[in-house]
Amino acid sequence: MASMPSPKKMVSFYDPDEFEEFTKEWAPALEPQYVLVERHGGSGDHGIDVAGYLSRQRLEGEWHNYQCKRYADAVAWATAAKEMRKMFVAAAAGEFTVPTRYVFVAPRFSRPLPRQFAKPTECRAKFLQELSTTKDKIVVDLTGEQRRTVEELVAGTDFAMFECIDLDEMLAQHQTTSHWLARFPHAPFDRGPQEMVPPPQHRDDEARYVQHLVDVYRERYPGTINSLEEVAGVEEAEEHLKRQRVAFYAAEALRVFARDATTPAYFERVKKDVHSTVVETAARSYPDGWERLAAVLTVAGTVQLTQTVLAPFVEPETRKGVCHHLANENRLTWCREGEK
């Protein structure tokens, strides 16, 4: 079987539209403070492919521009300068405020371009000099007054705003987004659910499944356990509760991971798989809730999952914890009246 291409190789084959979408996914990883990231690419985009807004004023407030160049050849100064001229002409015409950051993103850049951007004062002088002699139609078609307005805007702009981001950096940052596993499901992924240790005090979102467990202990230890506070007085029940909380938080870590690194729908898929497997076991008759819970947890540890990008991170302990997430929703209960 042929090996899957690396993410870097895959991106290098994207068409311009897909590369813009990839950039839109990645941009919040570079700047988490965006209130909105939006694609503008297409005819009449005034040199904006992807815009990251730092305020609700969007193009009238502070914003960043991402100029996407998915070319076979490395992006060099001539290509960059053309896009910069387009942006300055549009800004001088009142189409938007000048962005405070202008990022060129491309699979490859010519070696001199990052060095040119690294010297903002020299870069601006070079750009202004070329502006007076360029044959670029967008500048040639300006009136004398319009050209002077553009030149004044350029002269007053800090060219430290311009930069290049290479594909290696983009991919490293994209891996921290919720889009990575969906876009590159076969790529190595160096992080998974972060271990969550149950806190000493029960959280509010534990109340329902813990109450279902207290019902189990009340049934198993009649007259000894009637409330959560009394569980600590029976060692077997206390240790059992500790194990169930560890399992719950293993599933909670998976839920948070799915939310942050993939999509919440994948955790819902895991819950559905676990429920559909254990529900028949839960429906059988048992001497008491303790036995029903034990049977369900045993089966849960063997659940075969639908293959999604989340499936490799679902361990047996996590499957058991999902049962308590289902108990939190009253989709699983352990005690039945009249079983004894």
C-alpha atoms as a PDB file:
ATOM      1  CA  MET A   1       0.000   0.000   0.000  1.00  0.00           C
ATOM      2  CA  ALA A   2       1.358   3.389  -0.984  1.00  0.00           C
ATOM      3  CA  SER A   3       2.079   5.704   1.913  1.00  0.00           C
ATOM      4  CA  MET A   4      -0.003   8.838   2.315  1.00  0.00           C
ATOM      5  CA  PRO A   5       1.671  12.104   1.264  1.00  0.00           C
ATOM      6  CA  SER A   6       2.870  14.353   4.062  1.00  0.00           C
ATOM      7  CA  PRO A   7       0.766  17.401   4.990  1.00  0.00           C
ATOM      8  CA  LYS A   8       3.414  19.619   3.398  1.00  0.00           C
ATOM      9  CA  LYS A   9       3.161  17.713   0.149  1.00  0.00           C
ATOM     10  CA  MET A  10      -0.646  17.767   0.273  1.00  0.00           C
ATOM     11  CA  VAL A  11      -0.764  21.536   0.762  1.00  0.00           C
ATOM     12  CA  SER A  12       1.658  22.074  -2.095  1.00  0.00           C
ATOM     13  CA  PHE A  13      -0.933  20.512  -4.409  1.00  0.00           C
ATOM     14  CA  TYR A  14      -3.882  22.582  -3.195  1.00  0.00           C
ATOM     15  CA  ASP A  15      -5.620  24.788  -5.736  1.00  0.00           C
ATOM     16  CA  PRO A  16      -5.878  28.517  -4.834  1.00  0.00           C
ATOM     17  CA  ASP A  17      -9.352  28.157  -3.268  1.00  0.00           C
ATOM     18  CA  GLU A  18      -8.307  25.262  -1.034  1.00  0.00           C
ATOM     19  CA  PHE A  19      -5.128  27.052  -0.033  1.00  0.00           C
ATOM     20  CA  GLU A  20      -7.179  30.080   1.041  1.00  0.00           C
ATOM     21  CA  GLU A  21      -9.437  27.801   3.096  1.00  0.00           C
ATOM     22  CA  PHE A  22      -6.370  26.217   4.703  1.00  0.00           C
ATOM     23  CA  THR A  23      -5.080  29.720   5.512  1.00  0.00           C
ATOM     24  CA  LYS A  24      -8.425  30.674   7.047  1.00  0.00           C
ATOM     25  CA  GLU A  25      -8.222  27.622   9.317  1.00  0.00           C
ATOM     26  CA  TRP A  26      -4.661  28.434  10.330  1.00  0.00           C
ATOM     27  CA  ALA A  27      -4.858  32.229  10.864  1.00  0.00           C
ATOM     28  CA  PRO A  28      -6.470  32.106  14.360  1.00  0.00           C
ATOM     29  CA  ALA A  29      -3.533  29.968  15.533  1.00  0.00           C
ATOM     30  CA  LEU A  30      -1.192  32.833  14.623  1.00  0.00           C
ATOM     31  CA  GLU A  31      -3.397  35.444  16.278  1.00  0.00           C
ATOM     32  CA  PRO A  32      -5.951  34.091  18.790  1.00  0.00           C
ATOM     33  CA  GLN A  33      -7.468  37.557  19.377  1.00  0.00           C
ATOM     34  CA  TYR A  34      -9.399  37.654  16.113  1.00  0.00           C
ATOM     35  CA  VAL A  35     -13.119  38.232  16.507  1.00  0.00           C
ATOM     36  CA  LEU A  36     -13.653  36.897  12.993  1.00  0.00           C
ATOM     37  CA  VAL A  37     -11.602  35.434  10.136  1.00  0.00           C
ATOM     38  CA  GLU A  38     -13.082  35.823   6.676  1.00  0.00           C
ATOM     39  CA  ARG A  39     -12.158  34.893   3.117  1.00  0.00           C
ATOM     40  CA  HIS A  40     -12.256  37.666   0.500  1.00  0.00           C
ATOM     41  CA  GLY A  41     -10.372  36.024  -2.366  1.00  0.00           C
ATOM     42  CA  GLY A  42     -11.734  36.461  -5.856  1.00  0.00           C
ATOM     43  CA  SER A  43     -12.294  39.149  -8.451  1.00  0.00           C
ATOM     44  CA  GLY A  44     -12.349  42.625  -6.927  1.00  0.00           C
ATOM     45  CA  ASP A  45     -10.855  41.532  -3.600  1.00  0.00           C
ATOM     46  CA  HIS A  46      -8.525  44.590  -3.502  1.00  0.00           C
ATOM     47  CA  GLY A  47      -5.639  42.348  -2.544  1.00  0.00           C
ATOM     48  CA  ILE A  48      -7.364  40.669   0.404  1.00  0.00           C
ATOM     49  CA  ASP A  49      -7.527  36.884   0.376  1.00  0.00           C
ATOM     50  CA  VAL A  50      -8.139  36.208   4.062  1.00  0.00           C
ATOM     51  CA  ALA A  51      -8.825  38.935   6.636  1.00  0.00           C
ATOM     52  CA  GLY A  52      -8.445  38.566  10.380  1.00  0.00           C
ATOM     53  CA  TYR A  53     -10.426  41.182  12.307  1.00  0.00           C
ATOM     54  CA  LEU A  54      -9.363  42.395  15.731  1.00  0.00           C
ATOM     55  CA  SER A  55     -12.574  44.362  16.261  1.00  0.00           C
ATOM     56  CA  ARG A  56     -16.188  44.312  15.172  1.00  0.00           C
ATOM     57  CA  GLN A  57     -15.407  47.282  12.926  1.00  0.00           C
ATOM     58  CA  ARG A  58     -13.675  44.736  10.683  1.00  0.00           C
ATOM     59  CA  LEU A  59     -12.150  46.530   7.648  1.00  0.00           C
ATOM     60  CA  GLU A  60     -12.802  49.896   9.282  1.00  0.00           C
ATOM     61  CA  GLY A  61     -10.938  48.929  12.431  1.00  0.00           C
ATOM     62  CA  GLU A  62      -7.712  47.072  13.139  1.00  0.00           C
ATOM     63  CA  TRP A  63      -7.283  44.058  10.922  1.00  0.00           C
ATOM     64  CA  HIS A  64      -4.681  41.784   9.357  1.00  0.00           C
ATOM     65  CA  ASN A  65      -4.406  40.745   5.741  1.00  0.00           C
ATOM     66  CA  TYR A  66      -3.304  37.320   4.552  1.00  0.00           C
ATOM     67  CA  GLN A  67      -2.262  37.234   0.932  1.00  0.00           C
ATOM     68  CA  CYS A  68      -2.257  33.660  -0.370  1.00  0.00           C
ATOM     69  CA  LYS A  69       0.041  32.722  -3.238  1.00  0.00           C
ATOM     70  CA  ARG A  70      -0.283  29.068  -4.217  1.00  0.00           C
ATOM     71  CA  TYR A  71       2.211  29.171  -7.081  1.00  0.00           C
ATOM     72  CA  ALA A  72       4.480  26.481  -8.490  1.00  0.00           C
ATOM     73  CA  ASP A  73       7.356  28.954  -8.342  1.00  0.00           C
ATOM     74  CA  ALA A  74       8.658  30.628  -5.208  1.00  0.00           C
ATOM     75  CA  VAL A  75       7.042  33.992  -4.463  1.00  0.00           C
ATOM     76  CA  ALA A  76       9.515  36.812  -5.101  1.00  0.00           C
ATOM     77  CA  TRP A  77       9.557  40.605  -4.646  1.00  0.00           C
ATOM     78  CA  ALA A  78       7.879  41.376  -7.988  1.00  0.00           C
ATOM     79  CA  THR A  79       4.811  39.330  -7.074  1.00  0.00           C
ATOM     80  CA  ALA A  80       4.666  40.675  -3.532  1.00  0.00           C
ATOM     81  CA  ALA A  81       5.072  44.305  -4.638  1.00  0.00           C
ATOM     82  CA  LYS A  82       2.198  43.958  -7.102  1.00  0.00           C
ATOM     83  CA  GLU A  83      -0.124  42.802  -4.299  1.00  0.00           C
ATOM     84  CA  MET A  84       1.135  45.567  -2.014  1.00  0.00           C
ATOM     85  CA  ARG A  85       0.377  48.194  -4.681  1.00  0.00           C
ATOM     86  CA  LYS A  86      -3.124  46.803  -5.042  1.00  0.00           C
ATOM     87  CA  MET A  87      -3.678  47.103  -1.283  1.00  0.00           C
ATOM     88  CA  PHE A  88      -2.344  50.679  -1.020  1.00  0.00           C
ATOM     89  CA  VAL A  89      -4.401  51.915  -3.982  1.00  0.00           C
ATOM     90  CA  ALA A  90      -7.578  50.437  -2.489  1.00  0.00           C
ATOM     91  CA  ALA A  91      -6.810  51.818   0.988  1.00  0.00           C
ATOM     92  CA  ALA A  92      -6.103  55.293  -0.452  1.00  0.00           C
ATOM     93  CA  ALA A  93      -9.473  55.124  -2.224  1.00  0.00           C
ATOM     94  CA  GLY A  94     -11.200  54.490   1.117  1.00  0.00           C
ATOM     95  CA  GLU A  95     -12.025  50.816   0.562  1.00  0.00           C
ATOM     96  CA  PHE A  96     -10.586  49.923   3.989  1.00  0.00           C
ATOM     97  CA  THR A  97      -8.062  51.030   6.564  1.00  0.00           C
ATOM     98  CA  VAL A  98      -4.470  49.934   6.035  1.00  0.00           C
ATOM     99  CA  PRO A  99      -4.020  46.591   7.833  1.00  0.00           C
ATOM    100  CA  THR A 100      -1.642  46.579  10.781  1.00  0.00           C
ATOM    101  CA  ARG A 101      -0.214  43.258   9.635  1.00  0.00           C
ATOM    102  CA  TYR A 102       0.173  41.986   6.080  1.00  0.00           C
ATOM    103  CA  VAL A 103       1.241  38.368   5.820  1.00  0.00           C
ATOM    104  CA  PHE A 104       2.230  36.622   2.632  1.00  0.00           C
ATOM    105  CA  VAL A 105       1.549  32.898   2.847  1.00  0.00           C
ATOM    106  CA  ALA A 106       2.828  30.494   0.203  1.00  0.00           C
ATOM    107  CA  PRO A 107       4.391  27.051  -0.084  1.00  0.00           C
ATOM    108  CA  ARG A 108       7.682  28.660  -1.108  1.00  0.00           C
ATOM    109  CA  PHE A 109       9.342  32.088  -1.084  1.00  0.00           C
ATOM    110  CA  SER A 110      12.430  33.305  -2.868  1.00  0.00           C
ATOM    111  CA  ARG A 111      15.311  33.554  -0.417  1.00  0.00           C
ATOM    112  CA  PRO A 112      15.709  37.380  -0.703  1.00  0.00           C
ATOM    113  CA  LEU A 113      12.067  38.250   0.076  1.00  0.00           C
ATOM    114  CA  PRO A 114      12.068  37.596   3.852  1.00  0.00           C
ATOM    115  CA  ARG A 115      15.362  39.500   4.114  1.00  0.00           C
ATOM    116  CA  GLN A 116      13.833  42.470   2.279  1.00  0.00           C
ATOM    117  CA  PHE A 117      10.860  42.523   4.654  1.00  0.00           C
ATOM    118  CA  ALA A 118      13.283  42.255   7.592  1.00  0.00           C
ATOM    119  CA  LYS A 119      14.504  45.793   6.773  1.00  0.00           C
ATOM    120  CA  PRO A 120      11.253  47.786   6.798  1.00  0.00           C
ATOM    121  CA  THR A 121      12.786  51.226   6.087  1.00  0.00           C
ATOM    122  CA  GLU A 122      14.757  49.997   3.074  1.00  0.00           C
ATOM    123  CA  CYS A 123      11.749  48.021   1.901  1.00  0.00           C
ATOM    124  CA  ARG A 124       9.531  51.119   1.970  1.00  0.00           C
ATOM    125  CA  ALA A 125      12.144  53.181   0.093  1.00  0.00           C
ATOM    126  CA  LYS A 126      12.403  50.497  -2.590  1.00  0.00           C
ATOM    127  CA  PHE A 127       8.645  50.282  -2.893  1.00  0.00           C
ATOM    128  CA  LEU A 128       8.250  54.070  -3.188  1.00  0.00           C
ATOM    129  CA  GLN A 129      10.955  54.267  -5.830  1.00  0.00           C
ATOM    130  CA  GLU A 130       9.280  51.572  -7.903  1.00  0.00           C
ATOM    131  CA  LEU A 131       5.901  53.213  -7.402  1.00  0.00           C
ATOM    132  CA  SER A 132       7.053  56.239  -9.388  1.00  0.00           C
ATOM    133  CA  THR A 133       8.171  54.158 -12.387  1.00  0.00           C
ATOM    134  CA  THR A 134       5.939  51.086 -12.379  1.00  0.00           C
ATOM    135  CA  LYS A 135       3.947  50.140 -15.453  1.00  0.00           C
ATOM    136  CA  ASP A 136       1.383  48.386 -13.265  1.00  0.00           C
ATOM    137  CA  LYS A 137      -2.012  49.378 -14.704  1.00  0.00           C
ATOM    138  CA  ILE A 138      -3.560  49.835 -11.262  1.00  0.00           C
ATOM    139  CA  VAL A 139      -1.099  52.690 -10.657  1.00  0.00           C
ATOM    140  CA  VAL A 140      -0.835  53.985 -14.232  1.00  0.00           C
ATOM    141  CA  ASP A 141      -4.602  54.570 -14.355  1.00  0.00           C
ATOM    142  CA  LEU A 142      -4.519  56.859 -11.289  1.00  0.00           C
ATOM    143  CA  THR A 143      -4.875  60.600 -11.615  1.00  0.00           C
ATOM    144  CA  GLY A 144      -1.991  62.742 -10.405  1.00  0.00           C
ATOM    145  CA  GLU A 145      -3.867  63.556  -7.205  1.00  0.00           C
ATOM    146  CA  GLN A 146      -4.734  59.924  -6.586  1.00  0.00           C
ATOM    147  CA  ARG A 147      -1.119  58.906  -7.094  1.00  0.00           C
ATOM    148  CA  ARG A 148       0.068  61.511  -4.575  1.00  0.00           C
ATOM    149  CA  THR A 149      -2.485  60.215  -2.056  1.00  0.00           C
ATOM    150  CA  VAL A 150      -1.147  56.704  -2.494  1.00  0.00           C
ATOM    151  CA  GLU A 151       2.469  57.885  -2.162  1.00  0.00           C
ATOM    152  CA  GLU A 152       1.644  59.792   1.043  1.00  0.00           C
ATOM    153  CA  LEU A 153      -0.087  56.733   2.465  1.00  0.00           C
ATOM    154  CA  VAL A 154       2.903  54.542   1.634  1.00  0.00           C
ATOM    155  CA  ALA A 155       5.358  57.074   3.096  1.00  0.00           C
ATOM    156  CA  GLY A 156       3.404  57.130   6.360  1.00  0.00           C
ATOM    157  CA  THR A 157       3.129  53.352   6.712  1.00  0.00           C
ATOM    158  CA  ASP A 158       5.438  51.252   8.864  1.00  0.00           C
ATOM    159  CA  PHE A 159       6.599  48.495   6.530  1.00  0.00           C
ATOM    160  CA  ALA A 160       7.289  46.251   9.509  1.00  0.00           C
ATOM    161  CA  MET A 161       3.701  45.151   8.854  1.00  0.00           C
ATOM    162  CA  PHE A 162       4.868  43.006   5.912  1.00  0.00           C
ATOM    163  CA  GLU A 163       6.129  39.490   6.519  1.00  0.00           C
ATOM    164  CA  CYS A 164       6.330  36.002   5.076  1.00  0.00           C
ATOM    165  CA  ILE A 165       5.180  32.842   6.803  1.00  0.00           C
ATOM    166  CA  ASP A 166       6.645  29.619   5.498  1.00  0.00           C
ATOM    167  CA  LEU A 167       4.687  26.421   5.177  1.00  0.00           C
ATOM    168  CA  ASP A 168       6.556  24.591   7.940  1.00  0.00           C
ATOM    169  CA  GLU A 169       5.501  27.244  10.451  1.00  0.00           C
ATOM    170  CA  MET A 170       1.939  27.223   9.160  1.00  0.00           C
ATOM    171  CA  LEU A 171       1.668  23.445   9.535  1.00  0.00           C
ATOM    172  CA  ALA A 172       3.106  23.467  13.059  1.00  0.00           C
ATOM    173  CA  GLN A 173       0.527  26.053  14.102  1.00  0.00           C
ATOM    174  CA  HIS A 174      -2.338  24.479  12.150  1.00  0.00           C
ATOM    175  CA  GLN A 175      -1.808  21.331  14.222  1.00  0.00           C
ATOM    176  CA  THR A 176      -3.040  23.282  17.270  1.00  0.00           C
ATOM    177  CA  THR A 177      -6.396  24.025  15.611  1.00  0.00           C
ATOM    178  CA  SER A 178      -9.569  21.968  15.522  1.00  0.00           C
ATOM    179  CA  HIS A 179      -9.123  21.459  11.768  1.00  0.00           C
ATOM    180  CA  TRP A 180      -5.877  19.451  11.721  1.00  0.00           C
ATOM    181  CA  LEU A 181      -7.175  15.923  12.224  1.00  0.00           C
ATOM    182  CA  ALA A 182     -10.018  16.413   9.764  1.00  0.00           C
ATOM    183  CA  ARG A 183      -7.712  17.835   7.102  1.00  0.00           C
ATOM    184  CA  PHE A 184      -4.777  15.472   7.686  1.00  0.00           C
ATOM    185  CA  PRO A 185      -6.304  12.340   9.294  1.00  0.00           C
ATOM    186  CA  HIS A 186      -3.341  10.129   8.383  1.00  0.00           C
ATOM    187  CA  ALA A 187      -0.627  12.510   9.546  1.00  0.00           C
ATOM    188  CA  PRO A 188       1.273  11.987  12.808  1.00  0.00           C
ATOM    189  CA  PHE A 189      -0.338  13.907  15.647  1.00  0.00           C
ATOM    190  CA  ASP A 190       1.844  14.705  18.623  1.00  0.00           C
ATOM    191  CA  ARG A 191      -0.884  15.440  21.120  1.00  0.00           C
ATOM    192  CA  GLY A 192      -3.971  13.754  22.440  1.00  0.00           C
ATOM    193  CA  PRO A 193      -6.368  14.153  25.359  1.00  0.00           C
ATOM    194  CA  GLN A 194      -4.662  15.712  28.355  1.00  0.00           C
ATOM    195  CA  GLU A 195      -5.043  13.690  31.546  1.00  0.00           C
ATOM    196  CA  MET A 196      -7.648  15.122  33.884  1.00  0.00           C
ATOM    197  CA  VAL A 197      -7.368  14.222  37.566  1.00  0.00           C
ATOM    198  CA  PRO A 198     -10.679  14.251  39.444  1.00  0.00           C
ATOM    199  CA  PRO A 199     -10.748  17.278  41.756  1.00  0.00           C
ATOM    200  CA  PRO A 200     -11.359  16.643  45.474  1.00  0.00           C
ATOM    201  CA  GLN A 201     -14.655  18.506  45.277  1.00  0.00           C
ATOM    202  CA  HIS A 202     -17.216  17.153  42.861  1.00  0.00           C
ATOM    203  CA  ARG A 203     -18.025  19.514  39.992  1.00  0.00           C
ATOM    204  CA  ASP A 204     -21.593  20.525  39.263  1.00  0.00           C
ATOM    205  CA  ASP A 205     -21.585  18.483  36.055  1.00  0.00           C
ATOM    206  CA  GLU A 206     -20.948  15.317  38.101  1.00  0.00           C
ATOM    207  CA  ALA A 207     -24.106  15.572  40.172  1.00  0.00           C
ATOM    208  CA  ARG A 208     -26.393  13.326  38.169  1.00  0.00           C
ATOM    209  CA  TYR A 209     -24.121  10.369  37.443  1.00  0.00           C
ATOM    210  CA  VAL A 210     -22.821  10.457  41.026  1.00  0.00           C
ATOM    211  CA  GLN A 211     -26.403  10.377  42.306  1.00  0.00           C
ATOM    212  CA  HIS A 212     -27.027   7.301  40.171  1.00  0.00           C
ATOM    213  CA  LEU A 213     -23.980   5.734  41.835  1.00  0.00           C
ATOM    214  CA  VAL A 214     -25.231   6.707  45.302  1.00  0.00           C
ATOM    215  CA  ASP A 215     -28.479   4.907  44.427  1.00  0.00           C
ATOM    216  CA  VAL A 216     -26.385   1.799  43.694  1.00  0.00           C
ATOM    217  CA  TYR A 217     -24.584   2.074  47.053  1.00  0.00           C
ATOM    218  CA  ARG A 218     -27.822   2.708  48.932  1.00  0.00           C
ATOM    219  CA  GLU A 219     -29.252  -0.472  47.410  1.00  0.00           C
ATOM    220  CA  ARG A 220     -26.125  -2.522  48.126  1.00  0.00           C
ATOM    221  CA  TYR A 221     -25.589  -1.202  51.669  1.00  0.00           C
ATOM    222  CA  PRO A 222     -29.112  -0.622  53.022  1.00  0.00           C
ATOM    223  CA  GLY A 223     -29.224   1.299  56.244  1.00  0.00           C
ATOM    224  CA  THR A 224     -25.511   2.188  55.945  1.00  0.00           C
ATOM    225  CA  ILE A 225     -25.399   4.478  52.913  1.00  0.00           C
ATOM    226  CA  ASN A 226     -28.238   6.887  52.245  1.00  0.00           C
ATOM    227  CA  SER A 227     -26.304   9.874  50.902  1.00  0.00           C
ATOM    228  CA  LEU A 228     -23.080  10.821  49.164  1.00  0.00           C
ATOM    229  CA  GLU A 229     -21.548  11.906  52.454  1.00  0.00           C
ATOM    230  CA  GLU A 230     -21.966   8.402  53.871  1.00  0.00           C
ATOM    231  CA  VAL A 231     -20.117   6.709  50.995  1.00  0.00           C
ATOM    232  CA  ALA A 232     -16.772   7.500  52.661  1.00  0.00           C
ATOM    233  CA  GLY A 233     -17.787   5.284  55.588  1.00  0.00           C
ATOM    234  CA  VAL A 234     -17.793   2.134  53.453  1.00  0.00           C
ATOM    235  CA  GLU A 235     -14.374   1.376  51.971  1.00  0.00           C
ATOM    236  CA  GLU A 236     -15.624  -0.747  49.074  1.00  0.00           C
ATOM    237  CA  ALA A 237     -18.092   1.949  48.004  1.00  0.00           C
ATOM    238  CA  GLU A 238     -15.578   4.744  48.478  1.00  0.00           C
ATOM    239  CA  GLU A 239     -12.961   3.011  46.303  1.00  0.00           C
ATOM    240  CA  HIS A 240     -15.593   2.162  43.723  1.00  0.00           C
ATOM    241  CA  LEU A 241     -16.676   5.797  43.495  1.00  0.00           C
ATOM    242  CA  LYS A 242     -13.065   6.922  43.086  1.00  0.00           C
ATOM    243  CA  ARG A 243     -12.635   4.549  40.138  1.00  0.00           C
ATOM    244  CA  GLN A 244     -15.810   5.768  38.492  1.00  0.00           C
ATOM    245  CA  ARG A 245     -14.715   9.381  38.804  1.00  0.00           C
ATOM    246  CA  VAL A 246     -11.367   8.542  37.197  1.00  0.00           C
ATOM    247  CA  ALA A 247     -13.264   6.944  34.305  1.00  0.00           C
ATOM    248  CA  PHE A 248     -15.634   9.922  34.024  1.00  0.00           C
ATOM    249  CA  TYR A 249     -12.712  12.343  33.769  1.00  0.00           C
ATOM    250  CA  ALA A 250     -10.982  10.163  31.197  1.00  0.00           C
ATOM    251  CA  ALA A 251     -14.081  10.592  29.053  1.00  0.00           C
ATOM    252  CA  GLU A 252     -14.252  14.276  29.950  1.00  0.00           C
ATOM    253  CA  ALA A 253     -10.665  14.723  28.730  1.00  0.00           C
ATOM    254  CA  LEU A 254     -11.702  13.111  25.447  1.00  0.00           C
ATOM    255  CA  ARG A 255     -14.725  15.424  25.189  1.00  0.00           C
ATOM    256  CA  VAL A 256     -12.539  18.503  25.689  1.00  0.00           C
ATOM    257  CA  PHE A 257      -9.996  17.189  23.196  1.00  0.00           C
ATOM    258  CA  ALA A 258     -12.716  16.582  20.614  1.00  0.00           C
ATOM    259  CA  ARG A 259     -14.026  20.096  21.151  1.00  0.00           C
ATOM    260  CA  ASP A 260     -10.632  21.775  20.860  1.00  0.00           C
ATOM    261  CA  ALA A 261      -8.725  19.606  18.370  1.00  0.00           C
ATOM    262  CA  THR A 262     -11.435  18.094  16.188  1.00  0.00           C
ATOM    263  CA  THR A 263     -15.171  18.661  16.429  1.00  0.00           C
ATOM    264  CA  PRO A 264     -17.660  17.908  19.247  1.00  0.00           C
ATOM    265  CA  ALA A 265     -19.565  15.683  16.816  1.00  0.00           C
ATOM    266  CA  TYR A 266     -16.854  13.027  17.117  1.00  0.00           C
ATOM    267  CA  PHE A 267     -17.368  12.712  20.878  1.00  0.00           C
ATOM    268  CA  GLU A 268     -21.099  12.411  20.262  1.00  0.00           C
ATOM    269  CA  ARG A 269     -20.287   9.591  17.848  1.00  0.00           C
ATOM    270  CA  VAL A 270     -18.323   7.803  20.604  1.00  0.00           C
ATOM    271  CA  LYS A 271     -21.253   8.206  22.996  1.00  0.00           C
ATOM    272  CA  LYS A 272     -23.593   6.800  20.383  1.00  0.00           C
ATOM    273  CA  ASP A 273     -21.331   3.795  19.794  1.00  0.00           C
ATOM    274  CA  VAL A 274     -21.030   3.059  23.513  1.00  0.00           C
ATOM    275  CA  HIS A 275     -24.746   3.476  24.145  1.00  0.00           C
ATOM    276  CA  SER A 276     -25.802   1.262  21.243  1.00  0.00           C
ATOM    277  CA  THR A 277     -23.448  -1.472  22.491  1.00  0.00           C
ATOM    278  CA  VAL A 278     -24.245  -1.434  26.208  1.00  0.00           C
ATOM    279  CA  VAL A 279     -27.956  -0.610  26.180  1.00  0.00           C
ATOM    280  CA  GLU A 280     -29.021  -4.241  25.704  1.00  0.00           C
ATOM    281  CA  THR A 281     -26.770  -5.310  28.554  1.00  0.00           C
ATOM    282  CA  ALA A 282     -28.268  -2.607  30.756  1.00  0.00           C
ATOM    283  CA  ALA A 283     -31.802  -3.762  29.890  1.00  0.00           C
ATOM    284  CA  ARG A 284     -31.341  -7.275  31.311  1.00  0.00           C
ATOM    285  CA  SER A 285     -32.477  -8.318  34.783  1.00  0.00           C
ATOM    286  CA  TYR A 286     -29.924  -8.277  37.585  1.00  0.00           C
ATOM    287  CA  PRO A 287     -30.016  -8.883  41.326  1.00  0.00           C
ATOM    288  CA  ASP A 288     -29.268  -5.200  41.887  1.00  0.00           C
ATOM    289  CA  GLY A 289     -27.862  -2.043  40.329  1.00  0.00           C
ATOM    290  CA  TRP A 290     -24.314  -2.934  41.352  1.00  0.00           C
ATOM    291  CA  GLU A 291     -24.412  -6.012  39.138  1.00  0.00           C
ATOM    292  CA  ARG A 292     -25.999  -4.108  36.246  1.00  0.00           C
ATOM    293  CA  LEU A 293     -23.347  -1.385  36.433  1.00  0.00           C
ATOM    294  CA  ALA A 294     -20.536  -3.980  36.561  1.00  0.00           C
ATOM    295  CA  ALA A 295     -21.923  -5.792  33.525  1.00  0.00           C
ATOM    296  CA  VAL A 296     -22.330  -2.576  31.539  1.00  0.00           C
ATOM    297  CA  LEU A 297     -18.812  -1.346  32.342  1.00  0.00           C
ATOM    298  CA  THR A 298     -17.328  -4.696  31.309  1.00  0.00           C
ATOM    299  CA  VAL A 299     -19.068  -4.541  27.943  1.00  0.00           C
ATOM    300  CA  ALA A 300     -18.237  -0.848  27.509  1.00  0.00           C
ATOM    301  CA  GLY A 301     -14.534  -1.581  27.697  1.00  0.00           C
ATOM    302  CA  THR A 302     -14.824  -3.711  24.556  1.00  0.00           C
ATOM    303  CA  VAL A 303     -16.890  -1.330  22.376  1.00  0.00           C
ATOM    304  CA  GLN A 304     -15.862  -1.265  18.720  1.00  0.00           C
ATOM    305  CA  LEU A 305     -15.889   2.351  17.597  1.00  0.00           C
ATOM    306  CA  THR A 306     -16.848   3.946  14.333  1.00  0.00           C
ATOM    307  CA  GLN A 307     -13.577   4.954  12.697  1.00  0.00           C
ATOM    308  CA  THR A 308     -13.254   8.704  13.026  1.00  0.00           C
ATOM    309  CA  VAL A 309     -10.160  10.793  13.709  1.00  0.00           C
ATOM    310  CA  LEU A 310     -11.043  10.570  17.401  1.00  0.00           C
ATOM    311  CA  ALA A 311     -11.209   6.768  17.600  1.00  0.00           C
ATOM    312  CA  PRO A 312      -7.452   6.132  18.146  1.00  0.00           C
ATOM    313  CA  PHE A 313      -7.598   8.191  21.349  1.00  0.00           C
ATOM    314  CA  VAL A 314     -10.469   6.255  22.973  1.00  0.00           C
ATOM    315  CA  GLU A 315      -9.055   3.854  25.571  1.00  0.00           C
ATOM    316  CA  PRO A 316     -11.029   1.213  27.528  1.00  0.00           C
ATOM    317  CA  GLU A 317     -11.132   3.452  30.603  1.00  0.00           C
ATOM    318  CA  THR A 318     -12.560   6.219  28.462  1.00  0.00           C
ATOM    319  CA  ARG A 319     -15.308   3.931  27.168  1.00  0.00           C
ATOM    320  CA  LYS A 320     -16.309   3.186  30.759  1.00  0.00           C
ATOM    321  CA  GLY A 321     -16.321   6.884  31.561  1.00  0.00           C
ATOM    322  CA  VAL A 322     -18.624   7.523  28.623  1.00  0.00           C
ATOM    323  CA  CYS A 323     -21.200   5.370  30.432  1.00  0.00           C
ATOM    324  CA  HIS A 324     -21.213   7.933  33.244  1.00  0.00           C
ATOM    325  CA  HIS A 325     -21.599  10.739  30.719  1.00  0.00           C
ATOM    326  CA  LEU A 326     -24.628   8.838  29.435  1.00  0.00           C
ATOM    327  CA  ALA A 327     -25.850   8.433  33.026  1.00  0.00           C
ATOM    328  CA  ASN A 328     -25.538  12.202  33.390  1.00  0.00           C
ATOM    329  CA  GLU A 329     -28.107  12.430  30.599  1.00  0.00           C
ATOM    330  CA  ASN A 330     -30.279   9.700  32.202  1.00  0.00           C
ATOM    331  CA  ARG A 331     -29.713   7.552  29.118  1.00  0.00           C
ATOM    332  CA  LEU A 332     -28.313   4.872  31.411  1.00  0.00           C
ATOM    333  CA  THR A 333     -29.488   4.115  34.944  1.00  0.00           C
ATOM    334  CA  TRP A 334     -28.407   1.336  37.236  1.00  0.00           C
ATOM    335  CA  CYS A 335     -31.178   0.636  39.732  1.00  0.00           C
ATOM    336  CA  ARG A 336     -34.636  -0.760  38.959  1.00  0.00           C
ATOM    337  CA  GLU A 337     -37.492  -0.976  41.433  1.00  0.00           C
ATOM    338  CA  GLY A 338     -38.471  -4.485  42.416  1.00  0.00           C
ATOM    339  CA  GLU A 339     -35.319  -6.236  41.186  1.00  0.00           C
ATOM    340  CA  LYS A 340     -34.542  -7.743  44.570  1.00  0.00           C
END
